[in-house]
Protein backbone atom coordinates (compact mmCIF):
# COMPACT_ATOMS: atom_id res chain seq x y z
CA MET A 1 122.32 119.08 84.64
CA ALA A 2 122.59 115.44 84.03
CA LEU A 3 119.04 113.83 85.36
CA SER A 4 118.56 110.37 87.04
CA LEU A 5 114.52 108.79 86.87
CA LEU A 6 114.48 108.02 90.41
CA ALA A 7 110.91 106.58 90.22
CA ASN A 8 107.34 107.91 88.05
CA ASP A 9 103.88 106.29 88.58
CA THR A 10 100.62 107.16 87.37
CA ALA A 11 98.76 106.72 90.42
CA THR A 12 99.86 108.71 94.05
CA GLY A 13 98.51 108.73 97.61
CA ILE A 14 99.47 112.90 97.44
CA PRO A 15 96.43 114.06 95.76
CA ALA A 16 97.85 118.02 95.56
CA PRO A 17 99.77 118.71 93.23
CA ARG A 18 103.47 119.47 94.55
CA GLN A 19 106.95 120.60 93.70
CA MET A 20 109.52 119.14 96.39
CA VAL A 21 113.55 119.63 96.62
CA ILE A 22 114.75 116.80 98.78
CA ARG A 23 118.19 116.65 100.60
CA ASP A 24 117.46 113.96 103.15
CA ALA A 25 117.44 110.37 103.58
CA ALA A 26 114.50 110.90 106.25
CA THR A 27 112.44 113.46 103.51
CA LEU A 28 112.62 110.72 101.26
CA ALA A 29 110.96 108.06 103.48
CA THR A 30 108.63 110.01 104.59
CA VAL A 31 107.55 111.43 101.17
CA TRP A 32 107.67 107.64 99.84
CA ALA A 33 105.15 106.49 102.57
CA GLU A 34 102.59 108.95 101.65
CA HIS A 35 103.38 108.45 98.14
CA HIS A 36 102.04 104.91 98.51
CA ALA A 37 99.43 105.80 101.23
CA GLY A 38 96.82 103.08 101.35
CA ARG A 39 98.90 100.61 99.46
CA VAL A 40 98.95 96.98 101.10
CA SER A 41 102.69 96.57 100.27
CA VAL A 42 105.04 98.89 99.72
CA ALA A 43 108.63 98.53 98.69
CA PRO A 44 111.36 100.51 100.41
CA ALA A 45 112.32 103.81 99.15
CA PRO A 46 114.84 103.57 96.47
CA LYS A 47 118.46 104.25 97.66
CA VAL A 48 119.81 107.69 96.94
CA PHE A 49 123.60 109.00 98.14
CA PHE A 50 122.10 111.67 99.80
CA ASP A 51 125.98 112.89 100.49
CA HIS A 52 126.20 113.89 97.03
CA GLU A 53 122.72 113.69 95.19
CA MET A 54 119.29 115.16 96.37
CA VAL A 55 116.08 114.47 94.29
CA ILE A 56 113.41 116.43 92.65
CA ALA A 57 109.89 115.36 93.17
CA LEU A 58 106.62 116.14 91.30
CA PHE A 59 103.14 115.45 91.83
CA GLY A 60 100.47 116.80 89.52
CA GLY A 61 97.70 115.87 91.58
CA ALA A 62 94.54 114.00 90.73
CA GLY A 63 93.96 114.91 87.39
CA GLY A 64 93.14 111.43 85.76
CA ALA A 65 95.04 109.05 84.06
CA CYS A 66 95.68 111.36 81.22
CA HIS A 67 97.13 113.56 83.57
CA LYS A 68 100.93 113.90 83.67
CA VAL A 69 103.82 115.50 85.03
CA GLY A 70 107.57 115.44 84.44
CA LEU A 71 110.60 117.35 84.83
CA ARG A 72 111.67 118.77 81.37
CA SER A 73 115.25 120.41 82.09
CA LEU A 74 117.46 121.81 84.34
CA ARG A 75 119.47 124.97 84.49
CA VAL A 76 122.13 127.25 86.41
CA SER A 77 120.49 131.38 86.25
CA GLY A 78 122.77 133.09 88.75
CA ASP A 79 122.96 131.77 91.87
CA LYS A 80 120.00 129.21 91.36
CA LEU A 81 119.18 126.51 89.78
CA VAL A 82 115.70 126.48 87.57
CA ALA A 83 113.47 123.15 87.29
CA ALA A 84 111.58 123.94 84.49
CA TYR A 85 108.54 121.27 84.53
CA ARG A 86 105.47 120.55 82.49
CA GLN A 87 101.98 119.02 83.60
CA ALA A 88 99.26 118.78 80.90
CA ASP A 89 96.96 116.30 80.13
CA GLN A 90 98.09 113.90 77.25
CA ALA A 91 96.81 110.11 76.08
CA THR A 92 100.35 108.48 75.38
CA ASN A 93 100.55 107.04 72.10
CA GLY A 94 96.90 107.38 71.18
CA ALA A 95 95.67 105.31 74.23
CA ALA A 96 92.25 106.26 75.65
CA CYS A 97 92.29 107.17 78.82
CA ASP A 98 89.90 109.66 79.91
CA GLY A 99 87.60 109.21 82.66
CA LEU A 100 90.61 106.60 84.44
CA PRO A 101 91.31 107.45 87.50
CA GLY A 102 94.91 108.84 88.50
CA ALA A 103 97.70 111.44 89.83
CA ALA A 104 101.02 111.74 88.03
CA MET A 105 104.46 111.83 90.02
CA GLU A 106 107.64 111.86 89.11
CA MET A 107 110.92 111.80 91.33
CA MET A 108 114.64 112.41 89.13
CA VAL A 109 118.18 112.57 91.04
CA ILE A 110 120.68 115.40 90.22
CA ASP A 111 123.56 116.05 91.85
CA ARG A 112 123.89 117.69 95.05
CA SER A 113 123.70 122.06 95.51
CA ASP A 114 122.63 123.83 98.21
CA ALA A 115 121.36 126.23 95.59
CA ALA A 116 118.05 127.73 95.68
CA ILE A 117 115.98 126.25 93.29
CA VAL A 118 113.01 127.95 91.44
CA PHE A 119 110.21 125.51 89.86
CA GLU A 120 109.09 126.83 86.47
CA ALA A 121 105.79 125.41 85.06
CA LEU A 122 106.51 125.04 81.27
CA ALA A 123 103.21 126.39 78.36
CA SER A 124 103.86 124.01 75.94
CA GLU A 125 101.94 121.52 73.41
CA ASP A 126 102.92 118.45 73.05
CA VAL A 127 103.65 117.74 68.86
CA PRO A 128 103.15 113.67 67.96
CA PHE A 129 105.86 112.39 66.63
CA ARG A 130 106.54 108.53 65.28
CA GLN A 131 110.20 106.81 65.44
CA VAL A 132 111.33 105.60 62.39
CA VAL A 133 115.21 104.80 63.20
CA ARG A 134 117.10 104.24 66.30
CA SER A 135 120.40 102.34 66.16
CA GLN A 136 123.75 102.24 68.06
CA PHE A 137 125.31 101.79 64.37
CA SER A 138 125.81 104.53 61.96
CA ALA A 139 128.65 105.55 59.79
CA ILE A 140 128.08 109.54 60.92
CA GLY A 141 130.64 109.66 63.52
CA GLU A 142 129.90 113.71 64.51
CA ALA A 143 127.06 115.02 66.65
CA ARG A 144 124.88 116.35 64.61
CA GLN A 145 121.03 117.52 64.53
CA LEU A 146 118.57 117.98 61.32
CA VAL A 147 115.69 118.66 59.96
CA ILE A 148 114.92 117.14 57.07
CA LYS A 149 111.84 118.52 54.49
CA ASP A 150 112.51 116.67 51.51
CA ALA A 151 113.32 113.63 50.00
CA GLN A 152 116.05 113.99 48.54
CA SER A 153 118.15 115.34 51.75
CA LEU A 154 116.73 112.27 53.30
CA ALA A 155 118.65 110.26 50.70
CA ALA A 156 121.77 111.75 50.88
CA LEU A 157 121.43 111.38 54.59
CA TRP A 158 120.58 108.01 53.97
CA LYS A 159 123.67 107.14 52.14
CA GLU A 160 126.03 108.65 54.42
CA HIS A 161 124.53 107.12 57.53
CA ASN A 162 124.95 103.78 55.99
CA PRO A 163 122.35 101.68 57.19
CA PRO A 164 121.67 98.11 55.84
CA GLY A 165 118.13 98.58 55.57
CA PRO A 166 115.71 100.92 52.94
CA LEU A 167 114.78 104.28 53.22
CA PRO A 168 111.97 104.89 56.03
CA GLY A 169 107.97 105.79 54.22
CA VAL A 170 107.72 109.52 54.44
CA ASP A 171 105.48 111.58 53.00
CA PHE A 172 106.85 114.99 52.41
CA SER A 173 103.96 116.62 51.07
CA LYS A 174 102.60 116.40 54.99
CA GLN A 175 105.67 115.49 57.17
CA MET A 176 109.33 115.90 57.91
CA VAL A 177 112.74 114.04 59.70
CA VAL A 178 114.07 115.20 62.72
CA ALA A 179 117.41 113.83 63.20
CA ALA A 180 119.92 113.52 65.90
CA PHE A 181 123.39 111.55 65.72
CA LEU A 182 124.88 111.17 69.30
CA GLY A 183 128.49 110.98 67.43
CA SER A 184 131.61 108.06 68.72
CA ARG A 185 131.02 107.12 72.36
CA GLY A 186 133.49 104.96 74.15
CA ASP A 187 131.68 101.98 74.96
CA GLY A 188 127.95 100.58 74.35
CA SER A 189 126.48 101.88 77.81
CA PHE A 190 125.41 105.59 75.13
CA SER A 191 122.02 105.99 73.24
CA ILE A 192 120.09 108.53 72.43
CA GLU A 193 116.04 109.49 71.86
CA ILE A 194 113.69 111.98 71.39
CA GLY A 195 112.16 112.57 74.45
CA SER A 196 109.76 114.96 73.36
CA ILE A 197 108.93 117.69 70.94
CA GLU A 198 106.91 120.38 71.81
CA ARG A 199 105.59 123.86 70.18
CA ILE A 200 106.20 127.05 72.46
CA GLY A 201 106.39 130.25 72.23
CA GLY A 202 105.69 129.80 68.04
CA ARG A 203 109.14 127.49 67.81
CA LEU A 204 109.29 123.50 67.57
CA ARG A 205 111.47 122.52 70.57
CA VAL A 206 112.77 119.38 70.40
CA THR A 207 114.47 117.40 73.31
CA THR A 208 117.14 114.85 72.66
CA GLU A 209 117.89 112.62 75.56
CA GLU A 210 121.90 111.32 75.77
CA ARG A 211 121.15 107.92 77.59
CA THR A 212 124.47 106.45 79.72
CA LEU A 213 125.41 104.38 82.89
CA GLY A 214 125.45 106.87 86.16
CA ARG A 215 128.33 106.35 89.10
CA HIS A 216 125.99 104.05 90.64
CA SER A 217 124.57 101.62 87.63
CA GLN A 218 125.38 98.02 88.44
CA LEU A 219 124.92 97.14 84.87
CA ILE A 220 128.17 96.43 82.49
CA PRO A 221 128.57 98.57 79.52
CA ALA A 222 129.32 96.39 76.11
CA ALA A 223 133.00 97.20 75.24
CA PHE A 224 131.89 98.18 71.77
CA GLY A 225 132.20 101.60 70.76
CA PRO A 226 128.43 102.63 69.57
CA ARG A 227 127.62 105.69 66.90
CA PRO A 228 124.20 106.42 68.19
CA VAL A 229 121.31 108.00 66.01
CA VAL A 230 117.56 108.34 66.54
CA MET A 231 115.32 109.65 63.29
CA VAL A 232 111.03 110.27 64.21
CA VAL A 233 108.88 111.70 61.78
CA LEU A 234 106.28 114.49 62.36
CA ASP A 235 103.71 116.93 60.81
CA LYS A 236 105.87 119.32 58.61
CA SER A 237 105.98 122.74 60.18
CA ASP A 238 107.85 126.06 58.95
CA GLU A 239 108.44 127.08 62.75
CA PRO A 240 111.59 127.32 63.40
CA VAL A 241 112.63 124.23 65.28
CA GLU A 242 115.26 124.01 68.58
CA PHE A 243 117.10 121.54 70.24
CA VAL A 244 117.86 121.11 73.52
CA SER A 245 120.42 118.11 74.06
CA GLN A 246 119.49 116.32 78.14
CA ILE A 247 121.86 113.73 79.81
CA MET A 248 119.85 110.63 81.43
CA PHE A 249 121.66 108.43 83.72
CA TYR A 250 120.78 104.73 84.05
CA ARG A 251 120.74 103.99 87.47
C-alpha cells in the first residue's frame, strides 16, 4: 500500500511509546496538540482528507536523539492490515547524537480502511550504505533490481545504463553494489531511492522507495518521461538479498 509522509520529528511532547490509527480530524488535532506540548508556537495540524484517508502515528518514547521510529511497510493479511514498524538507536550518517535529548515521532497517511490494523515491531539491524548513483536518466527502460559483486559485472551494467560519467569507485574485495532501476515512467515526478537496508532473519532486506506525486500534491510534474536509477555501495556479504518495494507519495 502507498504511504505519504505527513510529519516526522526528533522531539515530541508524547514521552511514552505509542502506536495509533487516526481516522478523524478531531483526534488528529488532539494528538497534534499533545505532540507540540510545551512549545511556544504550534502550526495547525496538517490537512488530511479523512473521507478517503487516515493516519498511522508512531511515537518512539524518550530514548534520546539517536532513537528513531518509522513505519517500514503496510501489508494486507487476511482481513487485517499489518503495519510493520521499527524503533532503534541509530546515528544518522555517522553524526554523533549520544547524550542529546530527543523523542522521535512519525505520521504517515494511507488510504482509508475500516479493517483492523495490527502493529508489528521489527527486530532488525541497520546495514550502512553509501549512495553512488541517483539519476532520472538511464538507458535501461525496464524495472530491475540487482546485486553486483565484481568489477566485470558492474562495467557491463554501466555500459548498458549508459551514463555520461565514469564508473563509481568500488573495492570489490570488501564491497558490493545494490542497484535498482524503476523503468520508464510517464512524467518527471517519479524517482527511486534506497530507503533502508536491514539485516533480518539471516538475510539482507533492501527497501526501495518509488516516489511520485499523490492525488493532493500541488506540485506540477515535469513533462519528460524519466528512467530513474539508484545505486549504493555496502560491505560485501554472502547473505541472501531480498528486495521490498514501497510506493511513497509526495503530498
